Amino acid sequence: MKSPSIWTVIGVVAAVIIAWFVIDAVFSLMWFVAKLVAVAVVAVIVFFVLRSLFRNRTGD
C-alpha cells in the first residue's frame, strides 16, 4: 500500500468518527428542544385550564 492511500483511509475513518459524534450531538440537541417545546405547550394548556377552573369557582 502506498503512503497516500494509507492517509486517505485514516482520513476517511477520522471523518466518519467525527461525523458520528457531530450527528449524535445534533440529535441530542433536537430531542432536548422537542421536549422543551412539548413541556411549554402542556404548561400553557394546564395554565389556562387552572385559570378557568379558579375563575368559575370564585364567581367572577
C-alpha atoms as a PDB file:
ATOM      1  CA  MET A   1       0.000   0.000   0.000  1.00  0.00           C
ATOM      2  CA  LYS A   2       1.283   3.446  -0.872  1.00  0.00           C
ATOM      3  CA  SER A   3       1.621   6.160   1.760  1.00  0.00           C
ATOM      4  CA  PRO A   4      -1.042   8.490   0.268  1.00  0.00           C
ATOM      5  CA  SER A   5      -3.643   5.711   0.268  1.00  0.00           C
ATOM      6  CA  ILE A   6      -2.952   4.959   3.951  1.00  0.00           C
ATOM      7  CA  TRP A   7      -3.540   8.608   4.783  1.00  0.00           C
ATOM      8  CA  THR A   8      -6.729   8.513   2.735  1.00  0.00           C
ATOM      9  CA  VAL A   9      -8.016   5.553   4.752  1.00  0.00           C
ATOM     10  CA  ILE A  10      -7.063   7.232   8.026  1.00  0.00           C
ATOM     11  CA  GLY A  11      -8.780  10.436   6.875  1.00  0.00           C
ATOM     12  CA  VAL A  12     -11.967   8.573   5.960  1.00  0.00           C
ATOM     13  CA  VAL A  13     -12.040   6.770   9.310  1.00  0.00           C
ATOM     14  CA  ALA A  14     -11.447  10.049  11.184  1.00  0.00           C
ATOM     15  CA  ALA A  15     -14.182  11.774   9.159  1.00  0.00           C
ATOM     16  CA  VAL A  16     -16.679   9.013   9.965  1.00  0.00           C
ATOM     17  CA  ILE A  17     -15.844   9.143  13.687  1.00  0.00           C
ATOM     18  CA  ILE A  18     -16.132  12.936  13.821  1.00  0.00           C
ATOM     19  CA  ALA A  19     -19.384  12.866  11.846  1.00  0.00           C
ATOM     20  CA  TRP A  20     -20.772  10.224  14.244  1.00  0.00           C
ATOM     21  CA  PHE A  21     -20.188  12.485  17.259  1.00  0.00           C
ATOM     22  CA  VAL A  22     -21.476  15.599  15.496  1.00  0.00           C
ATOM     23  CA  ILE A  23     -24.695  13.878  14.420  1.00  0.00           C
ATOM     24  CA  ASP A  24     -25.134  12.433  17.918  1.00  0.00           C
ATOM     25  CA  ALA A  25     -24.808  15.915  19.416  1.00  0.00           C
ATOM     26  CA  VAL A  26     -27.217  17.419  16.862  1.00  0.00           C
ATOM     27  CA  PHE A  27     -29.868  14.776  17.503  1.00  0.00           C
ATOM     28  CA  SER A  28     -29.463  15.156  21.275  1.00  0.00           C
ATOM     29  CA  LEU A  29     -29.964  18.901  20.911  1.00  0.00           C
ATOM     30  CA  MET A  30     -33.001  18.397  18.668  1.00  0.00           C
ATOM     31  CA  TRP A  31     -34.515  15.945  21.189  1.00  0.00           C
ATOM     32  CA  PHE A  32     -33.935  18.454  24.021  1.00  0.00           C
ATOM     33  CA  VAL A  33     -35.605  21.255  22.029  1.00  0.00           C
ATOM     34  CA  ALA A  34     -38.549  18.986  21.156  1.00  0.00           C
ATOM     35  CA  LYS A  35     -39.033  18.067  24.823  1.00  0.00           C
ATOM     36  CA  LEU A  36     -38.781  21.738  25.788  1.00  0.00           C
ATOM     37  CA  VAL A  37     -41.480  22.697  23.269  1.00  0.00           C
ATOM     38  CA  ALA A  38     -43.733  19.847  24.459  1.00  0.00           C
ATOM     39  CA  VAL A  39     -43.356  20.933  28.083  1.00  0.00           C
ATOM     40  CA  ALA A  40     -44.145  24.534  27.158  1.00  0.00           C
ATOM     41  CA  VAL A  41     -47.301  23.528  25.265  1.00  0.00           C
ATOM     42  CA  VAL A  42     -48.542  21.350  28.123  1.00  0.00           C
ATOM     43  CA  ALA A  43     -47.746  24.074  30.671  1.00  0.00           C
ATOM     44  CA  VAL A  44     -49.767  26.644  28.692  1.00  0.00           C
ATOM     45  CA  ILE A  45     -52.722  24.254  28.432  1.00  0.00           C
ATOM     46  CA  VAL A  46     -52.608  23.466  32.163  1.00  0.00           C
ATOM     47  CA  PHE A  47     -52.303  27.170  32.981  1.00  0.00           C
ATOM     48  CA  PHE A  48     -55.443  28.065  31.025  1.00  0.00           C
ATOM     49  CA  VAL A  49     -57.384  25.088  32.442  1.00  0.00           C
ATOM     50  CA  LEU A  50     -56.468  26.029  36.008  1.00  0.00           C
ATOM     51  CA  ARG A  51     -57.262  29.685  35.357  1.00  0.00           C
ATOM     52  CA  SER A  52     -60.688  28.818  34.007  1.00  0.00           C
ATOM     53  CA  LEU A  53     -61.393  26.483  36.941  1.00  0.00           C
ATOM     54  CA  PHE A  54     -60.483  29.096  39.545  1.00  0.00           C
ATOM     55  CA  ARG A  55     -62.355  31.834  37.681  1.00  0.00           C
ATOM     56  CA  ASN A  56     -65.542  29.713  37.717  1.00  0.00           C
ATOM     57  CA  ARG A  57     -65.205  28.892  41.416  1.00  0.00           C
ATOM     58  CA  THR A  58     -64.829  32.475  42.571  1.00  0.00           C
ATOM     59  CA  GLY A  59     -67.920  33.553  40.645  1.00  0.00           C
ATOM     60  CA  ASP A  60     -66.231  36.224  38.508  1.00  0.00           C
END
